[in-house]
Amino acid sequence: MSERAAPFYCPYCGEEDLRPSEQGHGAWECAACNRAFQLKFLGLLAQGLRQTTTQGDDI
Protein backbone atom coordinates (compact mmCIF):
# COMPACT_ATOMS: atom_id res chain seq x y z
CA MET A 1 0.00 0.00 0.00
CA SER A 2 1.37 3.41 -0.93
CA GLU A 3 1.31 6.56 1.15
CA ARG A 4 -1.30 9.16 0.19
CA ALA A 5 -0.20 12.42 -1.36
CA ALA A 6 -0.10 15.53 0.81
CA PRO A 7 -0.96 19.04 -0.38
CA PHE A 8 2.07 21.23 -1.12
CA TYR A 9 0.45 24.57 -0.26
CA CYS A 10 -2.64 26.08 1.37
CA PRO A 11 -5.46 26.69 -1.15
CA TYR A 12 -6.35 29.93 0.67
CA CYS A 13 -3.06 31.75 1.28
CA GLY A 14 -0.50 29.73 -0.70
CA GLU A 15 1.84 29.10 2.23
CA GLU A 16 3.52 25.72 2.73
CA ASP A 17 3.30 25.45 6.55
CA LEU A 18 0.68 22.67 6.64
CA ARG A 19 0.04 20.02 9.25
CA PRO A 20 -2.40 17.10 9.36
CA SER A 21 -5.52 17.98 11.34
CA GLU A 22 -6.96 15.93 14.17
CA GLN A 23 -10.39 16.20 12.49
CA GLY A 24 -9.80 13.07 10.47
CA HIS A 25 -8.72 11.68 7.13
CA GLY A 26 -7.79 14.29 4.53
CA ALA A 27 -8.03 17.27 6.89
CA TRP A 28 -5.18 19.78 7.04
CA GLU A 29 -4.38 22.93 9.03
CA CYS A 30 -2.45 25.95 7.78
CA ALA A 31 -0.34 27.64 10.45
CA ALA A 32 0.09 30.78 8.33
CA CYS A 33 -3.58 31.75 7.86
CA ASN A 34 -5.05 29.65 10.69
CA ARG A 35 -7.51 27.87 8.38
CA ALA A 36 -8.46 24.21 8.21
CA PHE A 37 -9.49 22.46 5.02
CA GLN A 38 -10.21 18.94 3.82
CA LEU A 39 -9.17 17.13 0.66
CA LYS A 40 -11.57 14.67 -0.88
CA PHE A 41 -11.28 12.49 -3.98
CA LEU A 42 -14.53 12.75 -5.94
CA GLY A 43 -13.88 10.18 -8.66
CA LEU A 44 -12.61 9.78 -12.19
CA LEU A 45 -13.96 11.74 -15.13
CA ALA A 46 -15.37 9.89 -18.09
CA GLN A 47 -13.24 10.37 -21.20
CA GLY A 48 -16.17 11.79 -23.19
CA LEU A 49 -16.77 14.60 -20.67
CA ARG A 50 -13.36 16.20 -21.08
CA GLN A 51 -13.46 19.32 -23.28
CA THR A 52 -10.71 19.82 -25.79
CA THR A 53 -9.72 23.20 -27.13
CA THR A 54 -7.77 23.98 -30.25
CA GLN A 55 -5.32 26.85 -30.23
CA GLY A 56 -4.16 28.82 -33.19
CA ASP A 57 -7.37 28.60 -35.27
CA ASP A 58 -8.55 32.14 -34.44
CA ILE A 59 -5.23 33.97 -34.95
C-alpha atoms as a PDB file:
ATOM      1  CA  MET A   1       0.000   0.000   0.000  1.00  0.00           C
ATOM      2  CA  SER A   2       1.366   3.413  -0.929  1.00  0.00           C
ATOM      3  CA  GLU A   3       1.309   6.558   1.153  1.00  0.00           C
ATOM      4  CA  ARG A   4      -1.304   9.164   0.185  1.00  0.00           C
ATOM      5  CA  ALA A   5      -0.199  12.424  -1.362  1.00  0.00           C
ATOM      6  CA  ALA A   6      -0.105  15.526   0.813  1.00  0.00           C
ATOM      7  CA  PRO A   7      -0.955  19.039  -0.376  1.00  0.00           C
ATOM      8  CA  PHE A   8       2.065  21.232  -1.123  1.00  0.00           C
ATOM      9  CA  TYR A   9       0.448  24.570  -0.259  1.00  0.00           C
ATOM     10  CA  CYS A  10      -2.636  26.082   1.372  1.00  0.00           C
ATOM     11  CA  PRO A  11      -5.460  26.694  -1.148  1.00  0.00           C
ATOM     12  CA  TYR A  12      -6.350  29.934   0.672  1.00  0.00           C
ATOM     13  CA  CYS A  13      -3.059  31.753   1.279  1.00  0.00           C
ATOM     14  CA  GLY A  14      -0.497  29.727  -0.696  1.00  0.00           C
ATOM     15  CA  GLU A  15       1.840  29.099   2.234  1.00  0.00           C
ATOM     16  CA  GLU A  16       3.519  25.724   2.729  1.00  0.00           C
ATOM     17  CA  ASP A  17       3.298  25.450   6.546  1.00  0.00           C
ATOM     18  CA  LEU A  18       0.684  22.669   6.639  1.00  0.00           C
ATOM     19  CA  ARG A  19       0.045  20.019   9.247  1.00  0.00           C
ATOM     20  CA  PRO A  20      -2.401  17.105   9.355  1.00  0.00           C
ATOM     21  CA  SER A  21      -5.516  17.980  11.345  1.00  0.00           C
ATOM     22  CA  GLU A  22      -6.960  15.928  14.166  1.00  0.00           C
ATOM     23  CA  GLN A  23     -10.392  16.205  12.495  1.00  0.00           C
ATOM     24  CA  GLY A  24      -9.796  13.072  10.466  1.00  0.00           C
ATOM     25  CA  HIS A  25      -8.717  11.678   7.127  1.00  0.00           C
ATOM     26  CA  GLY A  26      -7.791  14.289   4.532  1.00  0.00           C
ATOM     27  CA  ALA A  27      -8.033  17.270   6.892  1.00  0.00           C
ATOM     28  CA  TRP A  28      -5.182  19.784   7.037  1.00  0.00           C
ATOM     29  CA  GLU A  29      -4.383  22.932   9.030  1.00  0.00           C
ATOM     30  CA  CYS A  30      -2.452  25.946   7.776  1.00  0.00           C
ATOM     31  CA  ALA A  31      -0.344  27.645  10.454  1.00  0.00           C
ATOM     32  CA  ALA A  32       0.094  30.785   8.331  1.00  0.00           C
ATOM     33  CA  CYS A  33      -3.580  31.752   7.861  1.00  0.00           C
ATOM     34  CA  ASN A  34      -5.048  29.648  10.692  1.00  0.00           C
ATOM     35  CA  ARG A  35      -7.512  27.871   8.380  1.00  0.00           C
ATOM     36  CA  ALA A  36      -8.458  24.215   8.212  1.00  0.00           C
ATOM     37  CA  PHE A  37      -9.488  22.456   5.020  1.00  0.00           C
ATOM     38  CA  GLN A  38     -10.210  18.939   3.824  1.00  0.00           C
ATOM     39  CA  LEU A  39      -9.169  17.125   0.664  1.00  0.00           C
ATOM     40  CA  LYS A  40     -11.574  14.666  -0.882  1.00  0.00           C
ATOM     41  CA  PHE A  41     -11.281  12.495  -3.978  1.00  0.00           C
ATOM     42  CA  LEU A  42     -14.527  12.750  -5.941  1.00  0.00           C
ATOM     43  CA  GLY A  43     -13.879  10.181  -8.663  1.00  0.00           C
ATOM     44  CA  LEU A  44     -12.607   9.778 -12.186  1.00  0.00           C
ATOM     45  CA  LEU A  45     -13.957  11.738 -15.125  1.00  0.00           C
ATOM     46  CA  ALA A  46     -15.365   9.894 -18.090  1.00  0.00           C
ATOM     47  CA  GLN A  47     -13.241  10.368 -21.204  1.00  0.00           C
ATOM     48  CA  GLY A  48     -16.172  11.791 -23.189  1.00  0.00           C
ATOM     49  CA  LEU A  49     -16.770  14.601 -20.671  1.00  0.00           C
ATOM     50  CA  ARG A  50     -13.358  16.199 -21.085  1.00  0.00           C
ATOM     51  CA  GLN A  51     -13.461  19.316 -23.279  1.00  0.00           C
ATOM     52  CA  THR A  52     -10.706  19.820 -25.790  1.00  0.00           C
ATOM     53  CA  THR A  53      -9.717  23.202 -27.128  1.00  0.00           C
ATOM     54  CA  THR A  54      -7.773  23.981 -30.248  1.00  0.00           C
ATOM     55  CA  GLN A  55      -5.319  26.845 -30.232  1.00  0.00           C
ATOM     56  CA  GLY A  56      -4.155  28.823 -33.194  1.00  0.00           C
ATOM     57  CA  ASP A  57      -7.366  28.599 -35.273  1.00  0.00           C
ATOM     58  CA  ASP A  58      -8.547  32.139 -34.443  1.00  0.00           C
ATOM     59  CA  ILE A  59      -5.228  33.975 -34.949  1.00  0.00           C
END
